[in-house]
Amino acid sequence: MKIHSIQIFLVFSLFLNAATVLAACEKGTTIAELAKIGQDGEKAFMDPEGVAHLHAFALRARELVLPCLQDKITPRDAAAFHRLMALSAFTQKDLSRVSAEFHAARKFEPGYEFPVDVVPEGHRLRKLYEQAASLEDGKLEPVFSPEGGYVTVGGVRGAPRPEKTPVIIQVFDAYDPISKKQALIETRYLQPGEKLPVWGKNPFGITAKDLGIDNKSAWVTPKTWYITAAVAAVITGSLYGIALYNKSQFQNTSGIDSADSDRRLQGYSDRANAFGTASVVTGITTLAFAGLGAGFRFIQEEKPSHADQQAGSRE
């Protein structure tokens, strides 16, 4: 089967987009952008060749658009997002996540039904959608907001976080008399079992440290970048190995006089070039990740300790 360059790009983009979220949002995103991606994802779901596109839409919505939102999420917006996540999970045969995402979607928009041009009558997904309504939320966990601010869970202000249901949490700061509004601090998508951050004080005096939550980003530690580089190296090796295999098949002269030999040789050539190019790109990415790990390690080693700072202040 001939591999088109656009397919290689889509697969590789899924790998690279995970690293994109490390950078701060260069510009804010809107609910309209999130809704458009959801609509595109629904169209891709029923397309036999649209699986890669659906996964790319889901990844973009989850990692790039949602965290950079400048708008308030409504329950209807949240439900649409959870349906997109469920469609993507269904194509990956992750039925437990499909059920959880559908349960969240039905919780925030109980009256929604899939159009038949998106999910036909009798499709297995419809049964999963119906069954999700009877699932349990689990324990309800309070979400502590910043002092003077507030939080929304699935677009519902002051709602608790359900233990067994994925949710979108938005955190708003205290009222600013200059801008005359309460600024959106963060939009977070939490999976069941994921630790809930503490954004403000709480009546029990529980701190993030007490809950085992490390507020230091994992992306400023060398270990994270070294692990990422190792994963990229494995991908690079796999791609290069596939390229070498196709090259060897292209150079193999046995059976060259068969009826479809020209077509097979062209296929081997195309695959060798495509995977070879992809391996070069991932190889460069591997070196970049390793360099970032070394850079953060150097920064940490150069940073003066608290004791050194105190000694300097005494002098």
Protein backbone atom coordinates (compact mmCIF):
# COMPACT_ATOMS: atom_id res chain seq x y z
CA MET A 1 0.00 0.00 0.00
CA LYS A 2 1.38 3.36 -1.00
CA ILE A 3 1.95 5.71 1.91
CA HIS A 4 1.13 9.32 1.15
CA SER A 5 3.18 12.11 2.66
CA ILE A 6 0.09 13.67 4.26
CA GLN A 7 -0.53 10.48 6.26
CA ILE A 8 3.06 10.50 7.53
CA PHE A 9 2.59 14.14 8.51
CA LEU A 10 -0.61 13.44 10.44
CA VAL A 11 0.93 10.58 12.40
CA PHE A 12 4.05 12.59 13.16
CA SER A 13 2.03 15.67 14.16
CA LEU A 14 0.30 13.63 16.88
CA PHE A 15 3.73 13.00 18.37
CA LEU A 16 4.95 16.57 18.12
CA ASN A 17 1.78 18.32 19.28
CA ALA A 18 2.22 16.90 22.79
CA ALA A 19 5.38 18.99 23.11
CA THR A 20 3.63 22.14 21.89
CA VAL A 21 1.70 22.56 25.16
CA LEU A 22 4.99 23.13 26.97
CA ALA A 23 5.12 26.63 25.62
CA ALA A 24 2.91 29.31 27.10
CA CYS A 25 -0.17 30.19 25.07
CA GLU A 26 0.96 32.74 22.52
CA LYS A 27 -2.62 33.88 22.07
CA GLY A 28 -5.95 33.07 23.61
CA THR A 29 -8.47 30.76 22.00
CA THR A 30 -12.25 31.00 21.86
CA ILE A 31 -15.30 28.83 22.37
CA ALA A 32 -16.01 29.23 18.66
CA GLU A 33 -12.69 27.55 17.82
CA LEU A 34 -13.45 24.71 20.21
CA ALA A 35 -16.93 24.25 18.73
CA LYS A 36 -15.56 24.21 15.17
CA ILE A 37 -13.08 21.45 16.04
CA GLY A 38 -15.89 19.44 17.60
CA GLN A 39 -17.97 19.75 14.42
CA ASP A 40 -15.00 18.74 12.26
CA GLY A 41 -14.40 15.76 14.54
CA GLU A 42 -17.99 14.57 14.12
CA LYS A 43 -17.64 14.74 10.33
CA ALA A 44 -14.40 12.75 10.48
CA PHE A 45 -15.92 10.06 12.70
CA MET A 46 -18.07 8.50 9.98
CA ASP A 47 -15.42 8.92 7.28
CA PRO A 48 -13.65 5.55 6.72
CA GLU A 49 -10.39 7.43 6.14
CA GLY A 50 -10.97 10.05 8.81
CA VAL A 51 -9.63 8.29 11.92
CA ALA A 52 -6.26 10.07 11.86
CA HIS A 53 -8.05 13.39 11.33
CA LEU A 54 -10.40 12.68 14.25
CA HIS A 55 -7.48 11.92 16.57
CA ALA A 56 -5.74 15.11 15.43
CA PHE A 57 -8.89 17.17 16.10
CA ALA A 58 -9.28 15.64 19.58
CA LEU A 59 -5.62 16.24 20.42
CA ARG A 60 -5.79 19.84 19.24
CA ALA A 61 -8.95 20.51 21.23
CA ARG A 62 -7.55 18.92 24.40
CA GLU A 63 -3.95 20.16 24.34
CA LEU A 64 -3.95 23.42 22.39
CA VAL A 65 -7.37 25.08 22.37
CA LEU A 66 -8.93 24.21 25.74
CA PRO A 67 -5.95 25.23 27.96
CA CYS A 68 -5.73 28.61 26.21
CA LEU A 69 -9.42 29.52 26.34
CA GLN A 70 -10.29 33.13 27.09
CA ASP A 71 -14.04 32.46 27.23
CA LYS A 72 -16.27 30.94 29.85
CA ILE A 73 -17.28 27.33 29.26
CA THR A 74 -21.02 26.63 29.41
CA PRO A 75 -22.43 23.18 30.26
CA ARG A 76 -23.36 22.78 26.59
CA ASP A 77 -19.78 23.60 25.51
CA ALA A 78 -18.42 21.11 28.02
CA ALA A 79 -20.78 18.39 26.80
CA ALA A 80 -19.69 18.90 23.18
CA PHE A 81 -16.04 18.61 24.21
CA HIS A 82 -16.69 15.36 26.10
CA ARG A 83 -18.52 13.91 23.09
CA LEU A 84 -15.50 14.64 20.89
CA MET A 85 -13.23 12.88 23.40
CA ALA A 86 -15.62 9.90 23.41
CA LEU A 87 -15.62 9.63 19.60
CA SER A 88 -11.82 9.61 19.56
CA ALA A 89 -11.67 7.02 22.35
CA PHE A 90 -14.18 4.80 20.51
CA THR A 91 -11.94 4.57 17.44
CA GLN A 92 -9.13 3.50 19.81
CA LYS A 93 -11.42 0.84 21.34
CA ASP A 94 -11.11 2.43 24.79
CA LEU A 95 -14.69 1.69 25.80
CA SER A 96 -14.28 2.55 29.49
CA ARG A 97 -13.20 6.05 28.57
CA VAL A 98 -16.00 6.29 26.00
CA SER A 99 -18.52 5.57 28.75
CA ALA A 100 -16.93 8.06 31.15
CA GLU A 101 -16.85 10.85 28.55
CA PHE A 102 -20.43 10.12 27.48
CA HIS A 103 -21.54 10.18 31.11
CA ALA A 104 -19.98 13.63 31.47
CA ALA A 105 -21.64 14.78 28.24
CA ARG A 106 -25.08 13.56 29.35
CA LYS A 107 -24.59 15.10 32.79
CA PHE A 108 -24.05 18.57 31.31
CA GLU A 109 -26.44 18.30 28.34
CA PRO A 110 -28.92 15.50 29.13
CA GLY A 111 -31.26 16.20 26.23
CA TYR A 112 -28.70 15.89 23.42
CA GLU A 113 -29.05 13.13 20.82
CA PHE A 114 -26.55 12.38 18.05
CA PRO A 115 -27.76 13.23 14.52
CA VAL A 116 -28.17 10.13 12.35
CA ASP A 117 -25.64 11.47 9.84
CA VAL A 118 -23.02 11.42 12.61
CA VAL A 119 -24.03 8.20 14.40
CA PRO A 120 -26.51 6.06 12.37
CA GLU A 121 -29.40 4.24 14.00
CA GLY A 122 -28.30 0.87 15.38
CA HIS A 123 -24.65 1.91 15.70
CA ARG A 124 -22.92 0.50 18.77
CA LEU A 125 -22.01 4.01 19.88
CA ARG A 126 -25.68 4.86 20.42
CA LYS A 127 -26.05 2.01 22.90
CA LEU A 128 -22.96 3.16 24.81
CA TYR A 129 -24.39 6.69 24.88
CA GLU A 130 -27.67 5.46 26.33
CA GLN A 131 -25.97 3.26 28.93
CA ALA A 132 -23.72 6.11 30.08
CA ALA A 133 -26.69 7.93 31.59
CA SER A 134 -26.94 5.36 34.40
CA LEU A 135 -23.29 5.47 35.44
CA GLU A 136 -22.31 6.84 38.85
CA ASP A 137 -20.30 9.99 39.52
CA GLY A 138 -18.56 8.58 42.57
CA LYS A 139 -17.54 10.74 45.50
CA LEU A 140 -17.93 14.50 45.12
CA GLU A 141 -14.82 16.54 45.88
CA PRO A 142 -15.00 20.29 46.67
CA VAL A 143 -12.95 22.60 44.46
CA PHE A 144 -11.33 25.46 46.36
CA SER A 145 -11.17 28.73 44.44
CA PRO A 146 -8.74 31.64 44.83
CA GLU A 147 -9.67 34.14 47.53
CA GLY A 148 -12.40 36.35 46.14
CA GLY A 149 -12.65 34.27 42.96
CA TYR A 150 -14.68 31.27 41.92
CA VAL A 151 -14.49 28.02 39.94
CA THR A 152 -16.79 26.27 37.51
CA VAL A 153 -17.00 22.54 36.89
CA GLY A 154 -18.40 21.75 33.47
CA GLY A 155 -19.60 25.34 33.28
CA VAL A 156 -21.50 25.11 36.60
CA ARG A 157 -20.31 27.64 39.18
CA GLY A 158 -19.32 26.23 42.56
CA ALA A 159 -20.06 22.62 41.58
CA PRO A 160 -17.99 19.80 43.12
CA ARG A 161 -15.66 17.58 41.10
CA PRO A 162 -17.10 14.03 40.64
CA GLU A 163 -14.57 11.28 41.35
CA LYS A 164 -15.41 8.99 38.40
CA THR A 165 -16.26 11.55 35.73
CA PRO A 166 -13.89 13.59 33.53
CA VAL A 167 -14.53 17.32 33.89
CA ILE A 168 -13.44 20.73 32.65
CA ILE A 169 -12.59 23.12 35.49
CA GLN A 170 -12.22 26.86 35.01
CA VAL A 171 -10.70 29.09 37.68
CA PHE A 172 -11.50 32.79 37.94
CA ASP A 173 -9.64 35.43 39.96
CA ALA A 174 -11.10 37.99 42.33
CA TYR A 175 -12.98 40.97 40.91
CA ASP A 176 -10.69 43.63 39.44
CA PRO A 177 -12.15 47.13 39.88
CA ILE A 178 -10.00 48.47 37.02
CA SER A 179 -11.05 45.98 34.36
CA LYS A 180 -14.40 45.50 36.13
CA LYS A 181 -14.32 41.75 35.64
CA GLN A 182 -13.00 38.54 37.12
CA ALA A 183 -10.18 37.26 34.94
CA LEU A 184 -10.00 33.63 33.84
CA ILE A 185 -6.84 32.17 35.41
CA GLU A 186 -6.85 28.63 34.09
CA THR A 187 -8.88 26.01 32.23
CA ARG A 188 -8.05 22.45 33.24
CA TYR A 189 -9.30 19.11 31.85
CA LEU A 190 -9.17 16.43 34.57
CA GLN A 191 -9.55 12.67 34.15
CA PRO A 192 -10.99 10.37 36.84
CA GLY A 193 -8.31 9.66 39.44
CA GLU A 194 -6.25 12.73 38.53
CA LYS A 195 -5.32 14.86 41.54
CA LEU A 196 -7.31 18.02 41.98
CA PRO A 197 -5.15 21.15 42.35
CA VAL A 198 -5.86 23.65 45.12
CA TRP A 199 -6.14 27.17 43.75
CA GLY A 200 -6.96 28.94 47.00
CA LYS A 201 -7.48 28.71 50.73
CA ASN A 202 -9.90 26.20 52.18
CA PRO A 203 -11.71 25.98 55.52
CA PHE A 204 -9.68 22.94 56.60
CA GLY A 205 -6.27 24.50 56.02
CA ILE A 206 -5.25 21.69 53.65
CA THR A 207 -2.34 22.62 51.41
CA ALA A 208 -1.26 21.28 48.04
CA LYS A 209 1.70 19.65 49.79
CA ASP A 210 -0.66 17.84 52.18
CA LEU A 211 -2.49 16.41 49.18
CA GLY A 212 0.73 15.28 47.54
CA ILE A 213 0.45 17.84 44.74
CA ASP A 214 3.73 19.23 43.42
CA ASN A 215 3.14 22.73 42.09
CA LYS A 216 6.47 22.70 40.32
CA SER A 217 5.99 21.95 36.64
CA ALA A 218 7.43 18.62 35.53
CA TRP A 219 8.59 20.29 32.32
CA VAL A 220 11.35 22.25 34.06
CA THR A 221 13.01 19.10 35.39
CA PRO A 222 15.76 17.38 33.35
CA LYS A 223 14.29 13.91 33.95
CA THR A 224 11.11 14.74 32.04
CA TRP A 225 13.06 15.88 28.98
CA TYR A 226 15.39 12.89 29.11
CA ILE A 227 12.40 10.54 29.19
CA THR A 228 10.81 12.44 26.31
CA ALA A 229 14.08 12.20 24.37
CA ALA A 230 14.22 8.44 25.03
CA VAL A 231 10.68 7.99 23.68
CA ALA A 232 11.58 10.08 20.62
CA ALA A 233 14.72 7.96 20.12
CA VAL A 234 12.66 4.76 20.13
CA ILE A 235 10.30 6.26 17.55
CA THR A 236 13.29 7.37 15.47
CA GLY A 237 14.79 3.89 15.57
CA SER A 238 11.49 2.29 14.58
CA LEU A 239 10.98 4.63 11.65
CA TYR A 240 14.57 4.17 10.50
CA GLY A 241 14.27 0.39 10.76
CA ILE A 242 11.13 0.42 8.59
CA ALA A 243 12.92 2.65 6.08
CA LEU A 244 15.89 0.26 5.92
CA TYR A 245 13.60 -2.74 5.45
CA ASN A 246 11.83 -1.12 2.51
CA LYS A 247 15.17 -0.07 1.03
CA SER A 248 16.44 -3.65 1.21
CA GLN A 249 13.28 -4.89 -0.47
CA PHE A 250 13.70 -2.29 -3.19
CA GLN A 251 17.27 -3.45 -3.81
CA ASN A 252 16.31 -7.13 -3.80
CA THR A 253 16.44 -8.29 -7.43
CA SER A 254 14.77 -11.67 -6.89
CA GLY A 255 11.35 -11.88 -8.50
CA ILE A 256 11.93 -8.63 -10.39
CA ASP A 257 10.32 -10.02 -13.52
CA SER A 258 6.93 -10.63 -11.94
CA ALA A 259 3.88 -8.89 -13.42
CA ASP A 260 3.50 -6.36 -10.61
CA SER A 261 7.20 -5.81 -9.95
CA ASP A 262 7.16 -2.14 -11.04
CA ARG A 263 4.30 -1.33 -8.70
CA ARG A 264 5.93 -3.16 -5.77
CA LEU A 265 9.30 -1.50 -6.36
CA GLN A 266 7.68 1.93 -6.48
CA GLY A 267 5.87 1.15 -3.24
CA TYR A 268 9.10 0.09 -1.51
CA SER A 269 10.80 3.27 -2.76
CA ASP A 270 8.00 5.54 -1.56
CA ARG A 271 7.90 3.93 1.88
CA ALA A 272 11.69 3.99 2.27
CA ASN A 273 11.76 7.71 1.44
CA ALA A 274 8.77 8.58 3.63
CA PHE A 275 9.91 6.72 6.73
CA GLY A 276 13.51 7.81 6.19
CA THR A 277 12.46 11.47 6.13
CA ALA A 278 10.27 10.98 9.22
CA SER A 279 13.19 9.35 11.08
CA VAL A 280 15.42 12.32 10.31
CA VAL A 281 12.83 14.73 11.72
CA THR A 282 12.28 12.66 14.88
CA GLY A 283 16.04 12.30 15.25
CA ILE A 284 16.44 16.08 15.27
CA THR A 285 13.58 16.28 17.77
CA THR A 286 15.35 13.72 19.98
CA LEU A 287 18.49 15.86 20.06
CA ALA A 288 16.41 18.95 20.89
CA PHE A 289 14.69 17.21 23.82
CA ALA A 290 18.03 15.92 25.12
CA GLY A 291 19.47 19.42 24.82
CA LEU A 292 16.58 20.86 26.85
CA GLY A 293 17.18 18.24 29.54
CA ALA A 294 20.86 19.17 29.72
CA GLY A 295 19.96 22.85 29.78
CA PHE A 296 17.53 22.54 32.70
CA ARG A 297 20.05 20.40 34.56
CA PHE A 298 22.68 23.11 34.14
CA ILE A 299 20.26 25.78 35.35
CA GLN A 300 19.41 23.75 38.46
CA GLU A 301 23.09 23.17 39.24
CA GLU A 302 23.87 26.87 38.86
CA LYS A 303 20.94 28.02 41.02
CA PRO A 304 22.18 28.96 44.53
CA SER A 305 20.76 27.01 47.42
CA HIS A 306 18.58 28.56 50.11
CA ALA A 307 21.44 28.18 52.61
CA ASP A 308 23.83 30.01 50.29
CA GLN A 309 21.32 32.82 49.91
CA GLN A 310 20.94 33.13 53.68
CA ALA A 311 24.72 33.15 54.12
CA GLY A 312 25.04 35.89 51.56
CA SER A 313 22.40 37.98 53.26
CA ARG A 314 24.19 37.69 56.62
CA GLU A 315 27.41 38.95 55.07
